[in-house]
Amino acid sequence: MIDESPSNVPTHRVRVLVIDDEPAIARSIQRILQGANDVVLARDAADALTRVRGGERFDLLLCDLQMPGMSGMQLHEELDRVCPEQADRM
């Protein structure tokens, strides 16, 4: 049995970055997650990198693997270099 008393309710919203070059997919993921989370959309890996380099931080990063310009794996490698704690959340 799960205890749903107030002491077990999360005290903060999770900040999620969704990275996908297909707007319809990104918006679908946003609609699914946004009720309990703060969801930010990035149109591609370059947009995601700009946000992280600019100081934005996320609890979770969800990323498409195949995108033009920079793949999800390449984004992970670059995040690991410039902001390892964010790469660990991807």
Protein backbone atom coordinates (compact mmCIF):
# COMPACT_ATOMS: atom_id res chain seq x y z
CA MET A 1 0.00 0.00 0.00
CA ILE A 2 1.28 3.47 -0.92
CA ASP A 3 1.20 6.17 1.75
CA GLU A 4 -0.15 9.33 0.12
CA SER A 5 -0.04 11.49 3.22
CA PRO A 6 1.14 15.10 2.76
CA SER A 7 4.63 14.19 4.01
CA ASN A 8 5.15 11.98 0.91
CA VAL A 9 4.01 14.53 -1.67
CA PRO A 10 6.89 16.09 -3.67
CA THR A 11 7.57 19.65 -2.54
CA HIS A 12 8.86 21.03 -5.84
CA ARG A 13 7.95 20.76 -9.48
CA VAL A 14 10.36 19.01 -11.78
CA ARG A 15 11.85 21.19 -14.52
CA VAL A 16 12.02 19.21 -17.77
CA LEU A 17 13.73 20.16 -21.05
CA VAL A 18 12.26 18.39 -24.08
CA ILE A 19 14.56 18.52 -27.11
CA ASP A 20 12.99 17.51 -30.41
CA ASP A 21 13.14 18.91 -33.93
CA GLU A 22 9.55 17.81 -34.64
CA PRO A 23 7.24 20.41 -33.04
CA ALA A 24 4.19 18.12 -32.91
CA ILE A 25 6.11 15.47 -30.96
CA ALA A 26 7.62 18.05 -28.59
CA ARG A 27 4.19 19.57 -27.90
CA SER A 28 2.69 16.12 -27.29
CA ILE A 29 5.35 15.32 -24.71
CA GLN A 30 4.82 18.75 -23.15
CA ARG A 31 1.06 18.16 -22.83
CA ILE A 32 1.65 14.79 -21.17
CA LEU A 33 4.17 16.14 -18.63
CA GLN A 34 3.06 19.70 -17.94
CA GLY A 35 0.43 19.05 -15.28
CA ALA A 36 2.94 18.11 -12.60
CA ASN A 37 6.09 19.54 -14.16
CA ASP A 38 7.51 22.73 -15.65
CA VAL A 39 8.25 21.79 -19.26
CA VAL A 40 10.52 23.79 -21.56
CA LEU A 41 10.85 22.98 -25.27
CA ALA A 42 14.03 23.21 -27.32
CA ARG A 43 13.74 22.92 -31.10
CA ASP A 44 17.17 21.31 -31.52
CA ALA A 45 20.45 20.48 -29.78
CA ALA A 46 21.88 23.96 -30.43
CA ASP A 47 18.89 25.55 -28.68
CA ALA A 48 19.32 23.20 -25.72
CA LEU A 49 23.04 24.00 -25.47
CA THR A 50 22.33 27.73 -25.59
CA ARG A 51 19.90 27.38 -22.69
CA VAL A 52 22.32 25.34 -20.56
CA ARG A 53 25.32 27.54 -21.38
CA GLY A 54 23.13 30.53 -20.45
CA GLY A 55 22.64 29.10 -16.96
CA GLU A 56 19.27 27.36 -17.23
CA ARG A 57 19.16 24.12 -15.22
CA PHE A 58 16.83 21.16 -15.55
CA ASP A 59 15.98 18.16 -13.41
CA LEU A 60 15.45 16.01 -16.50
CA LEU A 61 16.39 16.34 -20.18
CA LEU A 62 14.45 14.26 -22.73
CA CYS A 63 16.00 14.25 -26.16
CA ASP A 64 15.32 12.91 -29.64
CA LEU A 65 18.29 10.83 -30.77
CA GLN A 66 18.13 11.63 -34.49
CA MET A 67 18.08 15.34 -35.25
CA PRO A 68 19.68 17.36 -38.03
CA GLY A 69 22.88 19.19 -37.15
CA MET A 70 23.63 17.43 -33.88
CA SER A 71 22.28 14.09 -32.71
CA GLY A 72 21.08 13.39 -29.20
CA MET A 73 24.24 11.41 -28.50
CA GLN A 74 26.41 14.30 -29.71
CA LEU A 75 24.43 16.67 -27.51
CA HIS A 76 25.06 14.39 -24.53
CA GLU A 77 28.80 14.39 -25.28
CA GLU A 78 28.85 18.19 -25.49
CA LEU A 79 26.83 18.58 -22.29
CA ASP A 80 29.22 16.20 -20.56
CA ARG A 81 32.04 18.54 -21.55
CA VAL A 82 30.40 21.89 -20.70
CA CYS A 83 27.98 21.00 -17.91
CA PRO A 84 28.39 17.41 -16.65
CA GLU A 85 25.66 17.62 -14.02
CA GLN A 86 23.14 18.33 -16.79
CA ALA A 87 24.47 15.48 -18.95
CA ASP A 88 23.82 13.15 -16.01
CA ARG A 89 20.15 14.18 -16.10
CA MET A 90 19.68 13.37 -19.76
